[in-house]
Amino acid sequence: MNSLFGVYECSADAKGRVMLPIAFKKQLTKELKDGFVLKRSIFSKSLELYPLGTWNEMVREVNKLNKFVKKNVEFIRMFNYGVVPVDLDASGRILISKDMMSFSKISKDIVMAAAGDRIEIWDKKSYERFINSSTADFEKLAEDVMGAIVPSNN
């Protein structure tokens, strides 16, 4: 799968159903039939939507951890906490459960933001706060993370 791109504002209905933006559907044409996995983010109060194939690749790596090391077992347990399979319904929507909505503080207004191989799902106000608070640090972060990488001449 290629890297996803785009940030889209959406709305959740009273039951927690959210329409997957058409731009993401186009980028995920091959993955739509296999379904997705929805999980809590590790580093923020947001959710992550993985195409099933991408999720399976990641789980293969996690499953390589030695299960006789306590911190590994605890990590695996927390990593998998609340993970649910999701499919698009006939209208092209995913269902976000009440506990996932509560964890991420999502109400009605949502942002779906591409994050490489997955889609982050945020409460709109939380996303805007995060982006606005992180903007000032992005220059330093970009230098720290990408500064030592020498571009290839492809």
C-alpha atoms as a PDB file:
ATOM      1  CA  MET A   1       0.000   0.000   0.000  1.00  0.00           C
ATOM      2  CA  ASN A   2       1.152   3.500  -0.787  1.00  0.00           C
ATOM      3  CA  SER A   3       1.311   6.217   1.799  1.00  0.00           C
ATOM      4  CA  LEU A   4      -2.032   7.912   2.369  1.00  0.00           C
ATOM      5  CA  PHE A   5      -2.443  11.680   2.159  1.00  0.00           C
ATOM      6  CA  GLY A   6      -5.074  14.254   3.021  1.00  0.00           C
ATOM      7  CA  VAL A   7      -6.953  15.780   5.946  1.00  0.00           C
ATOM      8  CA  TYR A   8     -10.757  15.834   5.886  1.00  0.00           C
ATOM      9  CA  GLU A   9     -13.478  17.125   8.170  1.00  0.00           C
ATOM     10  CA  CYS A  10     -16.383  14.746   8.779  1.00  0.00           C
ATOM     11  CA  SER A  11     -19.364  14.377  11.050  1.00  0.00           C
ATOM     12  CA  ALA A  12     -20.450  11.492  13.230  1.00  0.00           C
ATOM     13  CA  ASP A  13     -24.121  10.754  13.584  1.00  0.00           C
ATOM     14  CA  ALA A  14     -25.797   9.944  16.916  1.00  0.00           C
ATOM     15  CA  LYS A  15     -24.861   6.250  16.569  1.00  0.00           C
ATOM     16  CA  GLY A  16     -21.166   6.979  15.890  1.00  0.00           C
ATOM     17  CA  ARG A  17     -21.275   6.309  12.155  1.00  0.00           C
ATOM     18  CA  VAL A  18     -18.820   8.309  10.052  1.00  0.00           C
ATOM     19  CA  MET A  19     -18.573   8.482   6.281  1.00  0.00           C
ATOM     20  CA  LEU A  20     -15.104   7.601   4.986  1.00  0.00           C
ATOM     21  CA  PRO A  21     -14.101  10.526   2.744  1.00  0.00           C
ATOM     22  CA  ILE A  22     -14.198   9.776  -0.990  1.00  0.00           C
ATOM     23  CA  ALA A  23     -10.518  10.727  -1.362  1.00  0.00           C
ATOM     24  CA  PHE A  24      -9.563   7.991   1.115  1.00  0.00           C
ATOM     25  CA  LYS A  25     -11.865   5.507  -0.630  1.00  0.00           C
ATOM     26  CA  LYS A  26     -10.046   6.218  -3.894  1.00  0.00           C
ATOM     27  CA  GLN A  27      -6.646   5.742  -2.239  1.00  0.00           C
ATOM     28  CA  LEU A  28      -7.795   2.523  -0.565  1.00  0.00           C
ATOM     29  CA  THR A  29      -9.706   0.937  -3.460  1.00  0.00           C
ATOM     30  CA  LYS A  30      -7.882  -2.411  -3.129  1.00  0.00           C
ATOM     31  CA  GLU A  31      -8.129  -2.447   0.670  1.00  0.00           C
ATOM     32  CA  LEU A  32     -11.865  -1.638   0.973  1.00  0.00           C
ATOM     33  CA  LYS A  33     -13.004  -5.231   0.485  1.00  0.00           C
ATOM     34  CA  ASP A  34     -10.700  -6.590   3.226  1.00  0.00           C
ATOM     35  CA  GLY A  35     -11.865  -4.160   5.893  1.00  0.00           C
ATOM     36  CA  PHE A  36     -10.061  -2.216   8.576  1.00  0.00           C
ATOM     37  CA  VAL A  37      -8.947  -2.308  12.181  1.00  0.00           C
ATOM     38  CA  LEU A  38      -9.738   0.542  14.561  1.00  0.00           C
ATOM     39  CA  LYS A  39      -7.620   1.112  17.656  1.00  0.00           C
ATOM     40  CA  ARG A  40      -6.748   3.701  20.244  1.00  0.00           C
ATOM     41  CA  SER A  41      -3.672   5.769  19.520  1.00  0.00           C
ATOM     42  CA  ILE A  42      -0.698   5.231  21.801  1.00  0.00           C
ATOM     43  CA  PHE A  43       0.502   8.836  21.849  1.00  0.00           C
ATOM     44  CA  SER A  44      -2.682  10.906  21.671  1.00  0.00           C
ATOM     45  CA  LYS A  45      -6.392  10.869  22.472  1.00  0.00           C
ATOM     46  CA  SER A  46      -7.230   9.901  18.908  1.00  0.00           C
ATOM     47  CA  LEU A  47      -8.064   6.729  17.013  1.00  0.00           C
ATOM     48  CA  GLU A  48      -6.174   4.941  14.256  1.00  0.00           C
ATOM     49  CA  LEU A  49      -7.817   3.209  11.306  1.00  0.00           C
ATOM     50  CA  TYR A  50      -5.608   0.620   9.624  1.00  0.00           C
ATOM     51  CA  PRO A  51      -6.301  -1.294   6.427  1.00  0.00           C
ATOM     52  CA  LEU A  52      -6.396  -4.959   7.480  1.00  0.00           C
ATOM     53  CA  GLY A  53      -3.282  -5.867   5.468  1.00  0.00           C
ATOM     54  CA  THR A  54      -1.253  -3.074   7.085  1.00  0.00           C
ATOM     55  CA  TRP A  55      -2.500  -4.097  10.518  1.00  0.00           C
ATOM     56  CA  ASN A  56      -1.511  -7.723   9.908  1.00  0.00           C
ATOM     57  CA  GLU A  57       2.028  -6.659   8.938  1.00  0.00           C
ATOM     58  CA  MET A  58       2.377  -4.660  12.143  1.00  0.00           C
ATOM     59  CA  VAL A  59       0.975  -7.476  14.296  1.00  0.00           C
ATOM     60  CA  ARG A  60       3.500  -9.904  12.764  1.00  0.00           C
ATOM     61  CA  GLU A  61       6.255  -7.657  14.124  1.00  0.00           C
ATOM     62  CA  VAL A  62       4.608  -7.306  17.543  1.00  0.00           C
ATOM     63  CA  ASN A  63       4.183 -11.084  17.729  1.00  0.00           C
ATOM     64  CA  LYS A  64       7.963 -11.502  17.442  1.00  0.00           C
ATOM     65  CA  LEU A  65       8.335 -10.077  20.964  1.00  0.00           C
ATOM     66  CA  ASN A  66       9.428 -12.578  23.606  1.00  0.00           C
ATOM     67  CA  LYS A  67       6.329 -13.404  25.629  1.00  0.00           C
ATOM     68  CA  PHE A  68       8.464 -14.481  28.588  1.00  0.00           C
ATOM     69  CA  VAL A  69       9.464 -10.865  29.187  1.00  0.00           C
ATOM     70  CA  LYS A  70       6.873  -9.142  31.357  1.00  0.00           C
ATOM     71  CA  LYS A  71       7.109  -5.694  29.737  1.00  0.00           C
ATOM     72  CA  ASN A  72       6.580  -7.286  26.328  1.00  0.00           C
ATOM     73  CA  VAL A  73       3.428  -9.043  27.519  1.00  0.00           C
ATOM     74  CA  GLU A  74       2.162  -5.800  29.074  1.00  0.00           C
ATOM     75  CA  PHE A  75       2.906  -3.912  25.864  1.00  0.00           C
ATOM     76  CA  ILE A  76       1.061  -6.492  23.746  1.00  0.00           C
ATOM     77  CA  ARG A  77      -1.928  -6.350  26.096  1.00  0.00           C
ATOM     78  CA  MET A  78      -2.148  -2.550  25.997  1.00  0.00           C
ATOM     79  CA  PHE A  79      -1.389  -2.411  22.262  1.00  0.00           C
ATOM     80  CA  ASN A  80      -4.370  -4.673  21.564  1.00  0.00           C
ATOM     81  CA  TYR A  81      -6.711  -3.119  24.122  1.00  0.00           C
ATOM     82  CA  GLY A  82      -9.965  -2.113  22.455  1.00  0.00           C
ATOM     83  CA  VAL A  83      -8.887  -3.119  18.942  1.00  0.00           C
ATOM     84  CA  VAL A  84     -11.911  -3.869  16.757  1.00  0.00           C
ATOM     85  CA  PRO A  85     -12.429  -4.915  13.144  1.00  0.00           C
ATOM     86  CA  VAL A  86     -14.554  -2.496  11.124  1.00  0.00           C
ATOM     87  CA  ASP A  87     -16.061  -2.646   7.666  1.00  0.00           C
ATOM     88  CA  LEU A  88     -17.715   0.007   5.593  1.00  0.00           C
ATOM     89  CA  ASP A  89     -21.485  -0.343   5.632  1.00  0.00           C
ATOM     90  CA  ALA A  90     -23.583  -0.105   2.450  1.00  0.00           C
ATOM     91  CA  SER A  91     -23.460   3.708   2.718  1.00  0.00           C
ATOM     92  CA  GLY A  92     -19.642   3.821   3.009  1.00  0.00           C
ATOM     93  CA  ARG A  93     -19.567   4.540   6.749  1.00  0.00           C
ATOM     94  CA  ILE A  94     -17.574   3.067   9.604  1.00  0.00           C
ATOM     95  CA  LEU A  95     -18.999   2.663  13.083  1.00  0.00           C
ATOM     96  CA  ILE A  96     -17.032   4.077  16.009  1.00  0.00           C
ATOM     97  CA  SER A  97     -18.110   2.427  19.248  1.00  0.00           C
ATOM     98  CA  LYS A  98     -19.181   4.491  22.256  1.00  0.00           C
ATOM     99  CA  ASP A  99     -16.071   3.502  24.243  1.00  0.00           C
ATOM    100  CA  MET A 100     -13.796   4.596  21.378  1.00  0.00           C
ATOM    101  CA  MET A 101     -15.755   7.861  21.057  1.00  0.00           C
ATOM    102  CA  SER A 102     -15.353   8.418  24.786  1.00  0.00           C
ATOM    103  CA  PHE A 103     -11.604   7.654  24.778  1.00  0.00           C
ATOM    104  CA  SER A 104     -10.926  10.071  21.920  1.00  0.00           C
ATOM    105  CA  LYS A 105     -13.389  12.736  23.135  1.00  0.00           C
ATOM    106  CA  ILE A 106     -15.062  12.588  19.721  1.00  0.00           C
ATOM    107  CA  SER A 107     -18.523  14.044  19.562  1.00  0.00           C
ATOM    108  CA  LYS A 108     -19.927  15.202  16.230  1.00  0.00           C
ATOM    109  CA  ASP A 109     -17.175  17.109  14.426  1.00  0.00           C
ATOM    110  CA  ILE A 110     -14.276  14.902  13.357  1.00  0.00           C
ATOM    111  CA  VAL A 111     -11.020  15.216  11.456  1.00  0.00           C
ATOM    112  CA  MET A 112      -9.663  12.250   9.500  1.00  0.00           C
ATOM    113  CA  ALA A 113      -5.978  12.797   8.810  1.00  0.00           C
ATOM    114  CA  ALA A 114      -3.672  10.566   6.808  1.00  0.00           C
ATOM    115  CA  ALA A 115      -0.665   9.403   8.800  1.00  0.00           C
ATOM    116  CA  GLY A 116       1.452   7.319   6.455  1.00  0.00           C
ATOM    117  CA  ASP A 117      -0.136   3.871   6.311  1.00  0.00           C
ATOM    118  CA  ARG A 118      -3.140   4.660   8.503  1.00  0.00           C
ATOM    119  CA  ILE A 119      -5.839   7.264   9.104  1.00  0.00           C
ATOM    120  CA  GLU A 120      -5.975   9.145  12.391  1.00  0.00           C
ATOM    121  CA  ILE A 121      -9.451  10.039  13.614  1.00  0.00           C
ATOM    122  CA  TRP A 122      -9.642  13.051  15.930  1.00  0.00           C
ATOM    123  CA  ASP A 123     -12.217  15.208  17.602  1.00  0.00           C
ATOM    124  CA  LYS A 124     -11.965  18.399  15.508  1.00  0.00           C
ATOM    125  CA  LYS A 125     -11.209  20.714  18.450  1.00  0.00           C
ATOM    126  CA  SER A 126      -8.565  18.328  19.834  1.00  0.00           C
ATOM    127  CA  TYR A 127      -6.918  18.052  16.417  1.00  0.00           C
ATOM    128  CA  GLU A 128      -6.811  21.817  15.988  1.00  0.00           C
ATOM    129  CA  ARG A 129      -5.334  22.246  19.486  1.00  0.00           C
ATOM    130  CA  PHE A 130      -2.688  19.618  18.751  1.00  0.00           C
ATOM    131  CA  ILE A 131      -1.732  21.099  15.378  1.00  0.00           C
ATOM    132  CA  ASN A 132      -1.632  24.662  16.740  1.00  0.00           C
ATOM    133  CA  SER A 133       0.470  23.678  19.765  1.00  0.00           C
ATOM    134  CA  SER A 134       2.870  21.590  17.666  1.00  0.00           C
ATOM    135  CA  THR A 135       3.415  24.076  14.837  1.00  0.00           C
ATOM    136  CA  ALA A 136       6.054  26.072  16.719  1.00  0.00           C
ATOM    137  CA  ASP A 137       8.063  22.917  17.490  1.00  0.00           C
ATOM    138  CA  PHE A 138       7.802  21.413  14.004  1.00  0.00           C
ATOM    139  CA  GLU A 139      10.881  23.184  12.656  1.00  0.00           C
ATOM    140  CA  LYS A 140      13.063  21.669  15.392  1.00  0.00           C
ATOM    141  CA  LEU A 141      11.340  18.286  15.121  1.00  0.00           C
ATOM    142  CA  ALA A 142      11.871  18.215  11.341  1.00  0.00           C
ATOM    143  CA  GLU A 143      15.558  18.963  11.766  1.00  0.00           C
ATOM    144  CA  ASP A 144      15.992  16.342  14.515  1.00  0.00           C
ATOM    145  CA  VAL A 145      14.134  13.610  12.644  1.00  0.00           C
ATOM    146  CA  MET A 146      15.021  14.330   9.015  1.00  0.00           C
ATOM    147  CA  GLY A 147      18.197  16.451   9.232  1.00  0.00           C
ATOM    148  CA  ALA A 148      20.654  13.564   9.070  1.00  0.00           C
ATOM    149  CA  ILE A 149      18.974  11.942   6.055  1.00  0.00           C
ATOM    150  CA  VAL A 150      20.846  12.560   2.815  1.00  0.00           C
ATOM    151  CA  PRO A 151      18.436  12.709  -0.147  1.00  0.00           C
ATOM    152  CA  SER A 152      19.084  10.092  -2.825  1.00  0.00           C
ATOM    153  CA  ASN A 153      19.640  11.182  -6.410  1.00  0.00           C
ATOM    154  CA  ASN A 154      16.876   9.066  -7.944  1.00  0.00           C
END
